[in-house]
Amino acid sequence: MFVGALELDILLGDVHSLKQKRSVIKPVLAEVRRRFDVSVAEAGHQDLHRRALIGVAVVAASGEHVRDVLDSCERLVGSRPEFELLSAHRRLLGPDD
């Protein structure tokens, strides 16, 4: 069993309130969850209206599959025009960890 985690630090464009931020982030989280069957949540910067930290987690039988899914999630979020992807950090835990 392999477990992967991905943290995406993003800067939101024309957002002026926490309410607007939620209205932008919520559909993206739903799309990532639906398309890739992963756990995803806003995991940080919750008090800042132009920043968000999105956390993604996946469990699979192979490390390669975990990496492929996390790469796809990162590409999807990074391709959104309303976001600027500031950084992406990932962790992979395998049977030997």
C-alpha atoms as a PDB file:
ATOM      1  CA  MET A   1       0.000   0.000   0.000  1.00  0.00           C
ATOM      2  CA  PHE A   2       1.214   3.493  -0.895  1.00  0.00           C
ATOM      3  CA  VAL A   3      -0.116   6.784   0.461  1.00  0.00           C
ATOM      4  CA  GLY A   4       0.489  10.076  -1.285  1.00  0.00           C
ATOM      5  CA  ALA A   5      -0.134  13.620  -0.130  1.00  0.00           C
ATOM      6  CA  LEU A   6       0.035  16.817  -2.146  1.00  0.00           C
ATOM      7  CA  GLU A   7      -0.040  20.405  -0.846  1.00  0.00           C
ATOM      8  CA  LEU A   8      -0.836  23.112  -3.379  1.00  0.00           C
ATOM      9  CA  ASP A   9      -0.264  26.700  -2.301  1.00  0.00           C
ATOM     10  CA  ILE A  10      -2.265  28.984  -4.582  1.00  0.00           C
ATOM     11  CA  LEU A  11      -2.823  32.686  -5.045  1.00  0.00           C
ATOM     12  CA  LEU A  12      -6.317  33.657  -6.138  1.00  0.00           C
ATOM     13  CA  GLY A  13      -6.887  36.421  -8.651  1.00  0.00           C
ATOM     14  CA  ASP A  14      -9.763  38.884  -8.345  1.00  0.00           C
ATOM     15  CA  VAL A  15     -11.078  37.823  -4.930  1.00  0.00           C
ATOM     16  CA  HIS A  16     -11.977  40.428  -2.315  1.00  0.00           C
ATOM     17  CA  SER A  17     -13.595  38.449   0.512  1.00  0.00           C
ATOM     18  CA  LEU A  18     -13.584  35.063   2.195  1.00  0.00           C
ATOM     19  CA  LYS A  19     -17.063  34.450   0.770  1.00  0.00           C
ATOM     20  CA  GLN A  20     -15.775  34.974  -2.782  1.00  0.00           C
ATOM     21  CA  LYS A  21     -12.802  32.751  -2.008  1.00  0.00           C
ATOM     22  CA  ARG A  22     -15.096  29.907  -0.939  1.00  0.00           C
ATOM     23  CA  SER A  23     -17.180  30.321  -4.099  1.00  0.00           C
ATOM     24  CA  VAL A  24     -14.017  29.911  -6.208  1.00  0.00           C
ATOM     25  CA  ILE A  25     -12.355  27.111  -4.207  1.00  0.00           C
ATOM     26  CA  LYS A  26     -15.389  24.897  -3.579  1.00  0.00           C
ATOM     27  CA  PRO A  27     -16.066  23.957  -7.253  1.00  0.00           C
ATOM     28  CA  VAL A  28     -12.374  23.178  -7.816  1.00  0.00           C
ATOM     29  CA  LEU A  29     -12.286  20.859  -4.799  1.00  0.00           C
ATOM     30  CA  ALA A  30     -15.426  19.102  -6.065  1.00  0.00           C
ATOM     31  CA  GLU A  31     -13.944  18.676  -9.555  1.00  0.00           C
ATOM     32  CA  VAL A  32     -10.659  17.227  -8.250  1.00  0.00           C
ATOM     33  CA  ARG A  33     -12.578  14.860  -5.956  1.00  0.00           C
ATOM     34  CA  ARG A  34     -14.912  13.742  -8.764  1.00  0.00           C
ATOM     35  CA  ARG A  35     -12.315  13.355 -11.534  1.00  0.00           C
ATOM     36  CA  PHE A  36      -9.599  11.585  -9.558  1.00  0.00           C
ATOM     37  CA  ASP A  37     -11.439   9.880  -6.662  1.00  0.00           C
ATOM     38  CA  VAL A  38      -9.136  11.435  -4.041  1.00  0.00           C
ATOM     39  CA  SER A  39      -9.608  13.144  -0.704  1.00  0.00           C
ATOM     40  CA  VAL A  40      -9.207  16.897  -1.088  1.00  0.00           C
ATOM     41  CA  ALA A  41      -9.777  19.890   1.177  1.00  0.00           C
ATOM     42  CA  GLU A  42      -8.791  23.467   1.802  1.00  0.00           C
ATOM     43  CA  ALA A  43      -6.145  22.829   4.441  1.00  0.00           C
ATOM     44  CA  GLY A  44      -4.567  26.189   5.153  1.00  0.00           C
ATOM     45  CA  HIS A  45      -4.577  29.973   4.729  1.00  0.00           C
ATOM     46  CA  GLN A  46      -8.262  29.881   5.633  1.00  0.00           C
ATOM     47  CA  ASP A  47      -8.191  33.386   7.109  1.00  0.00           C
ATOM     48  CA  LEU A  48      -6.608  34.951   3.987  1.00  0.00           C
ATOM     49  CA  HIS A  49      -8.928  35.851   1.119  1.00  0.00           C
ATOM     50  CA  ARG A  50      -6.357  35.659  -1.716  1.00  0.00           C
ATOM     51  CA  ARG A  51      -4.401  32.556  -0.638  1.00  0.00           C
ATOM     52  CA  ALA A  52      -5.392  28.944  -0.248  1.00  0.00           C
ATOM     53  CA  LEU A  53      -3.615  25.727   0.631  1.00  0.00           C
ATOM     54  CA  ILE A  54      -5.267  22.731  -0.992  1.00  0.00           C
ATOM     55  CA  GLY A  55      -4.455  19.284   0.372  1.00  0.00           C
ATOM     56  CA  VAL A  56      -4.901  16.115  -1.685  1.00  0.00           C
ATOM     57  CA  ALA A  57      -4.490  12.543  -0.431  1.00  0.00           C
ATOM     58  CA  VAL A  58      -4.615   9.241  -2.299  1.00  0.00           C
ATOM     59  CA  VAL A  59      -4.075   5.573  -1.427  1.00  0.00           C
ATOM     60  CA  ALA A  60      -3.182   2.956  -4.055  1.00  0.00           C
ATOM     61  CA  ALA A  61      -1.447  -0.354  -4.532  1.00  0.00           C
ATOM     62  CA  SER A  62       1.509   1.121  -6.443  1.00  0.00           C
ATOM     63  CA  GLY A  63       3.670   4.170  -5.941  1.00  0.00           C
ATOM     64  CA  GLU A  64       3.605   4.902  -9.661  1.00  0.00           C
ATOM     65  CA  HIS A  65      -0.187   5.149  -9.646  1.00  0.00           C
ATOM     66  CA  VAL A  66      -0.080   7.491  -6.634  1.00  0.00           C
ATOM     67  CA  ARG A  67       2.435   9.741  -8.413  1.00  0.00           C
ATOM     68  CA  ASP A  68       0.346   9.759 -11.615  1.00  0.00           C
ATOM     69  CA  VAL A  69      -2.812  10.752  -9.737  1.00  0.00           C
ATOM     70  CA  LEU A  70      -1.042  13.513  -7.791  1.00  0.00           C
ATOM     71  CA  ASP A  71       0.548  14.821 -11.015  1.00  0.00           C
ATOM     72  CA  SER A  72      -2.897  14.973 -12.627  1.00  0.00           C
ATOM     73  CA  CYS A  73      -4.362  16.812  -9.650  1.00  0.00           C
ATOM     74  CA  GLU A  74      -1.527  19.335  -9.717  1.00  0.00           C
ATOM     75  CA  ARG A  75      -1.958  19.905 -13.467  1.00  0.00           C
ATOM     76  CA  LEU A  76      -5.706  20.423 -13.114  1.00  0.00           C
ATOM     77  CA  VAL A  77      -5.398  22.996 -10.325  1.00  0.00           C
ATOM     78  CA  GLY A  78      -2.423  24.685 -12.007  1.00  0.00           C
ATOM     79  CA  SER A  79      -4.313  25.035 -15.294  1.00  0.00           C
ATOM     80  CA  ARG A  80      -7.131  27.075 -13.749  1.00  0.00           C
ATOM     81  CA  PRO A  81      -6.918  30.672 -15.024  1.00  0.00           C
ATOM     82  CA  GLU A  82      -8.226  32.147 -11.759  1.00  0.00           C
ATOM     83  CA  PHE A  83      -5.293  30.671  -9.791  1.00  0.00           C
ATOM     84  CA  GLU A  84      -1.552  31.111  -9.689  1.00  0.00           C
ATOM     85  CA  LEU A  85       0.138  27.983  -8.367  1.00  0.00           C
ATOM     86  CA  LEU A  86       2.846  29.239  -5.998  1.00  0.00           C
ATOM     87  CA  SER A  87       4.218  25.877  -4.859  1.00  0.00           C
ATOM     88  CA  ALA A  88       3.500  22.175  -4.763  1.00  0.00           C
ATOM     89  CA  HIS A  89       4.897  19.764  -2.177  1.00  0.00           C
ATOM     90  CA  ARG A  90       4.318  16.031  -2.170  1.00  0.00           C
ATOM     91  CA  ARG A  91       4.976  13.107   0.106  1.00  0.00           C
ATOM     92  CA  LEU A  92       4.871   9.408  -0.687  1.00  0.00           C
ATOM     93  CA  LEU A  93       4.789   6.723   1.976  1.00  0.00           C
ATOM     94  CA  GLY A  94       5.306   3.116   1.026  1.00  0.00           C
ATOM     95  CA  PRO A  95       5.418  -0.240   2.794  1.00  0.00           C
ATOM     96  CA  ASP A  96       9.006   0.340   3.932  1.00  0.00           C
ATOM     97  CA  ASP A  97       8.307   3.696   5.644  1.00  0.00           C
END
